[in-house]
Amino acid sequence: MSHLSADYDDLLRSNLNRVFNERDPAKRADAIAELFVEAPVMFEPTNVIQGRAEISRVAGELLEQFGPDFTFVPSGPAVGHHGLAHLAWQAGPNGGPVAVTGADVAEIVDGRIARLWVLLNGAA
């Protein structure tokens, strides 16, 4: 089981770092092609995003909206088993206050993210 959790940790951390922290659209698209199934779905609190290109677009817009120092950081290791994984994270400016906390919950199919739920915590 720990082997599976380690794989999930690597996958979800890679998603955070190589997709949601990646400002270069080409590098982000390459990462999405590697980490996600061919037709992924991402669920945000107010939106459903379908497809790799749309996930890349949304991630890029998010980074643009919050500025050049905004970064997502894992709050600990991802845990998961039997195709479901969870990674808590926090985000904000580098070295600055935490602006938002949340978690990614992913359905994993054949080692790739098929469906991703972005859960945001309420304000403290």
Protein backbone atom coordinates (compact mmCIF):
# COMPACT_ATOMS: atom_id res chain seq x y z
CA MET A 1 0.00 0.00 0.00
CA SER A 2 2.79 2.48 0.74
CA HIS A 3 4.04 1.95 -2.81
CA LEU A 4 0.66 3.10 -4.13
CA SER A 5 0.59 6.13 -1.82
CA ALA A 6 4.09 7.07 -3.00
CA ASP A 7 2.93 6.94 -6.62
CA TYR A 8 -0.09 9.09 -5.79
CA ASP A 9 2.10 11.56 -3.93
CA ASP A 10 4.41 11.90 -6.93
CA LEU A 11 1.48 12.29 -9.34
CA LEU A 12 -0.39 14.93 -7.34
CA ARG A 13 2.75 16.87 -6.43
CA SER A 14 3.74 16.85 -10.10
CA ASN A 15 0.30 18.21 -10.98
CA LEU A 16 0.68 21.03 -8.46
CA ASN A 17 4.23 21.93 -9.53
CA ARG A 18 4.26 21.17 -13.26
CA VAL A 19 0.69 22.27 -14.09
CA PHE A 20 -0.61 24.77 -11.55
CA ASN A 21 2.76 26.44 -10.82
CA GLU A 22 3.98 26.36 -14.45
CA ARG A 23 3.81 29.71 -16.23
CA ASP A 24 5.17 28.44 -19.58
CA PRO A 25 2.14 27.23 -21.61
CA ALA A 26 4.17 24.71 -23.65
CA LYS A 27 5.75 23.11 -20.56
CA ARG A 28 2.34 23.07 -18.85
CA ALA A 29 0.73 21.36 -21.86
CA ASP A 30 3.50 18.72 -21.92
CA ALA A 31 2.99 18.03 -18.21
CA ILE A 32 -0.78 17.71 -18.63
CA ALA A 33 -0.30 15.26 -21.51
CA GLU A 34 1.92 13.15 -19.25
CA LEU A 35 -0.09 13.40 -16.01
CA PHE A 36 -3.72 13.34 -17.22
CA VAL A 37 -5.77 10.83 -19.21
CA GLU A 38 -6.77 11.84 -22.74
CA ALA A 39 -10.14 13.34 -21.73
CA PRO A 40 -9.85 14.54 -18.10
CA VAL A 41 -12.45 16.50 -16.17
CA MET A 42 -11.64 19.02 -13.44
CA PHE A 43 -14.28 20.15 -10.96
CA GLU A 44 -13.89 23.58 -9.34
CA PRO A 45 -16.40 24.98 -6.84
CA THR A 46 -18.12 27.03 -9.55
CA ASN A 47 -17.05 25.37 -12.80
CA VAL A 48 -16.49 22.07 -14.62
CA ILE A 49 -13.50 22.06 -16.96
CA GLN A 50 -13.27 19.40 -19.64
CA GLY A 51 -10.16 18.41 -21.57
CA ARG A 52 -6.43 18.92 -21.33
CA ALA A 53 -6.36 22.24 -23.24
CA GLU A 54 -9.03 23.78 -21.00
CA ILE A 55 -7.27 22.64 -17.82
CA SER A 56 -4.08 24.28 -19.11
CA ARG A 57 -5.96 27.48 -19.97
CA VAL A 58 -7.57 27.66 -16.51
CA ALA A 59 -4.24 27.03 -14.74
CA GLY A 60 -2.55 29.75 -16.81
CA GLU A 61 -5.31 32.26 -16.11
CA LEU A 62 -5.13 31.51 -12.40
CA LEU A 63 -1.39 32.21 -12.31
CA GLU A 64 -1.85 35.39 -14.35
CA GLN A 65 -4.65 36.59 -12.06
CA PHE A 66 -2.61 36.17 -8.85
CA GLY A 67 0.71 37.51 -10.14
CA PRO A 68 4.28 36.30 -10.70
CA ASP A 69 5.07 35.35 -7.07
CA PHE A 70 1.95 33.26 -6.44
CA THR A 71 2.79 29.60 -5.73
CA PHE A 72 0.96 26.44 -4.70
CA VAL A 73 2.78 24.41 -2.03
CA PRO A 74 1.83 20.93 -0.78
CA SER A 75 0.91 20.85 2.93
CA GLY A 76 2.13 17.27 3.31
CA PRO A 77 2.28 14.04 1.34
CA ALA A 78 -0.62 12.92 -0.83
CA VAL A 79 -2.46 9.86 0.42
CA GLY A 80 -4.57 7.44 -1.51
CA HIS A 81 -5.44 3.94 -2.53
CA HIS A 82 -7.65 2.07 -5.01
CA GLY A 83 -7.73 4.91 -7.53
CA LEU A 84 -8.49 7.82 -5.19
CA ALA A 85 -5.90 10.31 -3.91
CA HIS A 86 -5.89 13.50 -1.80
CA LEU A 87 -3.27 16.25 -1.55
CA ALA A 88 -3.73 19.24 0.78
CA TRP A 89 -2.06 22.48 -0.31
CA GLN A 90 -1.71 26.16 0.47
CA ALA A 91 -1.08 29.04 -1.88
CA GLY A 92 0.02 32.64 -1.78
CA PRO A 93 2.92 34.89 -2.71
CA ASN A 94 6.44 33.46 -2.20
CA GLY A 95 7.48 34.25 1.36
CA GLY A 96 4.19 36.03 1.95
CA PRO A 97 1.01 35.19 3.83
CA VAL A 98 -1.07 32.18 2.82
CA ALA A 99 -3.91 33.47 0.64
CA VAL A 100 -5.87 30.23 0.21
CA THR A 101 -5.79 26.63 1.40
CA GLY A 102 -7.44 23.61 -0.10
CA ALA A 103 -6.95 20.16 -1.47
CA ASP A 104 -6.92 18.27 -4.72
CA VAL A 105 -8.83 15.00 -4.79
CA ALA A 106 -8.16 12.89 -7.85
CA GLU A 107 -9.52 9.78 -9.46
CA ILE A 108 -6.51 7.93 -10.83
CA VAL A 109 -6.86 5.61 -13.83
CA ASP A 110 -3.82 3.66 -15.06
CA GLY A 111 -1.46 5.98 -13.19
CA ARG A 112 -2.94 9.20 -14.58
CA ILE A 113 -5.46 11.76 -13.35
CA ALA A 114 -8.89 11.14 -14.86
CA ARG A 115 -10.99 13.45 -12.68
CA LEU A 116 -9.75 16.18 -10.37
CA TRP A 117 -11.79 17.97 -7.70
CA VAL A 118 -10.34 21.26 -6.43
CA LEU A 119 -11.64 21.81 -2.89
CA LEU A 120 -11.17 25.21 -1.28
CA ASN A 121 -11.26 25.76 2.47
CA GLY A 122 -13.33 28.62 3.85
CA ALA A 123 -11.65 31.72 5.19
CA ALA A 124 -10.17 31.30 8.66
